[in-house]
Amino acid sequence: MSTAPAPSSRDLQHPASADIRLEAVLHALSDPMRLQIVRELAAGRDELTCSQFALPVTKSTSTHHFRVLREAGVIRQCYRGTAKMNGLRRDELDDLFPGLLGALLAAADRQAVRLGEG
């Protein structure tokens, strides 16, 4: 009888699509830093490393923001060598909540223009 290997500290837990909750997604996106992360991921087509984000917060706070987004099901993270890669779970979110992500991103873009931030 074989046993499955113990999960590594490099194995990051993500919710299955069926377990992603609207409340968790909205909570994750309610923070300006997390919304900035999602906007940057949505603007590109590739995954980005954590260090590619110029967040005006400490490394531990940045790690917290990425964890909240991952645990809410907004982003997917995986290790490639020593880099932690981040990708937006756009297709899954669009399937679960049609139009939500696009509307939130468009509203965030309009707000950034209105406030002179974008």
C-alpha atoms as a PDB file:
ATOM      1  CA  MET A   1       0.000   0.000   0.000  1.00  0.00           C
ATOM      2  CA  SER A   2       1.609   3.273  -1.096  1.00  0.00           C
ATOM      3  CA  THR A   3       0.932   6.613   0.445  1.00  0.00           C
ATOM      4  CA  ALA A   4       0.845   9.941  -1.313  1.00  0.00           C
ATOM      5  CA  PRO A   5       3.866  12.123  -0.699  1.00  0.00           C
ATOM      6  CA  ALA A   6       3.445  14.790   1.935  1.00  0.00           C
ATOM      7  CA  PRO A   7       2.740  18.209   0.435  1.00  0.00           C
ATOM      8  CA  SER A   8       5.786  20.407   0.109  1.00  0.00           C
ATOM      9  CA  SER A   9       5.936  23.916   1.502  1.00  0.00           C
ATOM     10  CA  ARG A  10       6.207  24.911  -2.150  1.00  0.00           C
ATOM     11  CA  ASP A  11       2.803  23.390  -2.946  1.00  0.00           C
ATOM     12  CA  LEU A  12       0.372  26.294  -2.841  1.00  0.00           C
ATOM     13  CA  GLN A  13      -3.271  25.624  -2.021  1.00  0.00           C
ATOM     14  CA  HIS A  14      -5.904  27.007  -4.392  1.00  0.00           C
ATOM     15  CA  PRO A  15      -9.662  26.643  -4.191  1.00  0.00           C
ATOM     16  CA  ALA A  16     -11.282  24.496  -6.853  1.00  0.00           C
ATOM     17  CA  SER A  17     -13.434  26.505  -9.264  1.00  0.00           C
ATOM     18  CA  ALA A  18     -16.578  25.104  -7.667  1.00  0.00           C
ATOM     19  CA  ASP A  19     -15.441  26.393  -4.267  1.00  0.00           C
ATOM     20  CA  ILE A  20     -14.768  30.008  -5.310  1.00  0.00           C
ATOM     21  CA  ARG A  21     -17.235  32.297  -3.523  1.00  0.00           C
ATOM     22  CA  LEU A  22     -18.389  35.690  -4.742  1.00  0.00           C
ATOM     23  CA  GLU A  23     -17.982  37.170  -1.263  1.00  0.00           C
ATOM     24  CA  ALA A  24     -14.337  36.068  -1.103  1.00  0.00           C
ATOM     25  CA  VAL A  25     -13.592  37.486  -4.565  1.00  0.00           C
ATOM     26  CA  LEU A  26     -15.219  40.825  -3.716  1.00  0.00           C
ATOM     27  CA  HIS A  27     -13.385  40.973  -0.393  1.00  0.00           C
ATOM     28  CA  ALA A  28     -10.049  40.238  -2.080  1.00  0.00           C
ATOM     29  CA  LEU A  29     -10.637  42.962  -4.669  1.00  0.00           C
ATOM     30  CA  SER A  30     -11.784  45.540  -2.108  1.00  0.00           C
ATOM     31  CA  ASP A  31      -8.192  46.367  -1.109  1.00  0.00           C
ATOM     32  CA  PRO A  32      -6.377  48.927  -3.314  1.00  0.00           C
ATOM     33  CA  MET A  33      -3.090  46.958  -3.362  1.00  0.00           C
ATOM     34  CA  ARG A  34      -4.810  43.714  -4.324  1.00  0.00           C
ATOM     35  CA  LEU A  35      -6.850  45.513  -6.979  1.00  0.00           C
ATOM     36  CA  GLN A  36      -3.598  46.951  -8.362  1.00  0.00           C
ATOM     37  CA  ILE A  37      -2.111  43.444  -8.564  1.00  0.00           C
ATOM     38  CA  VAL A  38      -5.157  42.163 -10.456  1.00  0.00           C
ATOM     39  CA  ARG A  39      -5.153  45.179 -12.798  1.00  0.00           C
ATOM     40  CA  GLU A  40      -1.494  44.536 -13.650  1.00  0.00           C
ATOM     41  CA  LEU A  41      -2.146  40.836 -14.259  1.00  0.00           C
ATOM     42  CA  ALA A  42      -5.184  41.642 -16.410  1.00  0.00           C
ATOM     43  CA  ALA A  43      -3.187  44.128 -18.504  1.00  0.00           C
ATOM     44  CA  GLY A  44      -0.748  41.444 -19.646  1.00  0.00           C
ATOM     45  CA  ARG A  45      -1.088  37.982 -21.064  1.00  0.00           C
ATOM     46  CA  ASP A  46       1.765  36.362 -19.198  1.00  0.00           C
ATOM     47  CA  GLU A  47       2.293  35.402 -15.606  1.00  0.00           C
ATOM     48  CA  LEU A  48       4.335  37.770 -13.466  1.00  0.00           C
ATOM     49  CA  THR A  49       6.692  37.090 -10.585  1.00  0.00           C
ATOM     50  CA  CYS A  50       5.931  38.701  -7.244  1.00  0.00           C
ATOM     51  CA  SER A  51       9.002  40.914  -7.635  1.00  0.00           C
ATOM     52  CA  GLN A  52       7.647  42.403 -10.888  1.00  0.00           C
ATOM     53  CA  PHE A  53       4.975  44.311  -8.953  1.00  0.00           C
ATOM     54  CA  ALA A  54       6.053  47.717  -7.630  1.00  0.00           C
ATOM     55  CA  LEU A  55       3.889  47.742  -4.519  1.00  0.00           C
ATOM     56  CA  PRO A  56       4.589  50.452  -1.920  1.00  0.00           C
ATOM     57  CA  VAL A  57       4.412  47.955   0.949  1.00  0.00           C
ATOM     58  CA  THR A  58       6.792  45.644   2.805  1.00  0.00           C
ATOM     59  CA  LYS A  59       7.578  42.187   1.456  1.00  0.00           C
ATOM     60  CA  SER A  60       5.524  40.534   4.217  1.00  0.00           C
ATOM     61  CA  THR A  61       2.514  42.749   3.430  1.00  0.00           C
ATOM     62  CA  SER A  62       2.913  42.005  -0.263  1.00  0.00           C
ATOM     63  CA  THR A  63       3.001  38.270   0.522  1.00  0.00           C
ATOM     64  CA  HIS A  64      -0.217  38.677   2.526  1.00  0.00           C
ATOM     65  CA  HIS A  65      -1.969  40.390  -0.415  1.00  0.00           C
ATOM     66  CA  PHE A  66      -0.957  37.626  -2.842  1.00  0.00           C
ATOM     67  CA  ARG A  67      -2.130  34.974  -0.375  1.00  0.00           C
ATOM     68  CA  VAL A  68      -5.562  36.638   0.015  1.00  0.00           C
ATOM     69  CA  LEU A  69      -5.964  36.765  -3.768  1.00  0.00           C
ATOM     70  CA  ARG A  70      -4.876  33.116  -4.146  1.00  0.00           C
ATOM     71  CA  GLU A  71      -7.099  31.820  -1.349  1.00  0.00           C
ATOM     72  CA  ALA A  72     -10.091  33.707  -2.796  1.00  0.00           C
ATOM     73  CA  GLY A  73      -9.489  32.051  -6.173  1.00  0.00           C
ATOM     74  CA  VAL A  74      -8.632  35.274  -8.004  1.00  0.00           C
ATOM     75  CA  ILE A  75      -5.059  34.299  -8.898  1.00  0.00           C
ATOM     76  CA  ARG A  76      -3.107  31.098  -9.354  1.00  0.00           C
ATOM     77  CA  GLN A  77       0.439  30.888  -8.027  1.00  0.00           C
ATOM     78  CA  CYS A  78       3.119  28.328  -8.772  1.00  0.00           C
ATOM     79  CA  TYR A  79       6.845  28.056  -8.379  1.00  0.00           C
ATOM     80  CA  ARG A  80       9.137  27.976 -11.392  1.00  0.00           C
ATOM     81  CA  GLY A  81      12.594  27.449  -9.983  1.00  0.00           C
ATOM     82  CA  THR A  82      12.921  30.012  -7.227  1.00  0.00           C
ATOM     83  CA  ALA A  83      10.359  32.426  -8.717  1.00  0.00           C
ATOM     84  CA  LYS A  84       6.748  32.426  -7.572  1.00  0.00           C
ATOM     85  CA  MET A  85       4.635  33.048 -10.655  1.00  0.00           C
ATOM     86  CA  ASN A  86       1.214  34.716 -10.522  1.00  0.00           C
ATOM     87  CA  GLY A  87      -1.571  34.415 -13.061  1.00  0.00           C
ATOM     88  CA  LEU A  88      -5.120  35.705 -13.110  1.00  0.00           C
ATOM     89  CA  ARG A  89      -7.812  33.005 -13.078  1.00  0.00           C
ATOM     90  CA  ARG A  90      -9.789  35.059 -15.604  1.00  0.00           C
ATOM     91  CA  ASP A  91     -11.466  32.207 -17.487  1.00  0.00           C
ATOM     92  CA  GLU A  92     -12.661  30.528 -14.295  1.00  0.00           C
ATOM     93  CA  LEU A  93     -13.911  33.802 -12.806  1.00  0.00           C
ATOM     94  CA  ASP A  94     -15.679  34.703 -16.062  1.00  0.00           C
ATOM     95  CA  ASP A  95     -17.384  31.290 -16.110  1.00  0.00           C
ATOM     96  CA  LEU A  96     -18.507  31.613 -12.490  1.00  0.00           C
ATOM     97  CA  PHE A  97     -19.420  35.314 -12.490  1.00  0.00           C
ATOM     98  CA  PRO A  98     -19.969  36.447 -16.100  1.00  0.00           C
ATOM     99  CA  GLY A  99     -18.991  40.077 -16.639  1.00  0.00           C
ATOM    100  CA  LEU A 100     -17.925  40.700 -13.042  1.00  0.00           C
ATOM    101  CA  LEU A 101     -14.166  40.899 -13.534  1.00  0.00           C
ATOM    102  CA  GLY A 102     -14.466  43.003 -16.690  1.00  0.00           C
ATOM    103  CA  ALA A 103     -16.849  45.430 -14.992  1.00  0.00           C
ATOM    104  CA  LEU A 104     -14.617  45.735 -11.917  1.00  0.00           C
ATOM    105  CA  LEU A 105     -11.496  46.308 -14.000  1.00  0.00           C
ATOM    106  CA  ALA A 106     -13.252  48.904 -16.176  1.00  0.00           C
ATOM    107  CA  ALA A 107     -14.526  50.692 -13.065  1.00  0.00           C
ATOM    108  CA  ALA A 108     -11.031  50.632 -11.540  1.00  0.00           C
ATOM    109  CA  ASP A 109      -9.594  52.093 -14.750  1.00  0.00           C
ATOM    110  CA  ARG A 110     -12.207  54.888 -14.773  1.00  0.00           C
ATOM    111  CA  GLN A 111     -11.492  55.631 -11.116  1.00  0.00           C
ATOM    112  CA  ALA A 112      -7.733  55.772 -11.733  1.00  0.00           C
ATOM    113  CA  VAL A 113      -8.267  58.291 -14.536  1.00  0.00           C
ATOM    114  CA  ARG A 114     -10.676  60.335 -12.427  1.00  0.00           C
ATOM    115  CA  LEU A 115      -8.189  60.446  -9.549  1.00  0.00           C
ATOM    116  CA  GLY A 116      -5.231  61.142 -11.821  1.00  0.00           C
ATOM    117  CA  GLU A 117      -3.608  57.794 -11.055  1.00  0.00           C
ATOM    118  CA  GLY A 118      -3.742  56.210 -14.460  1.00  0.00           C
END
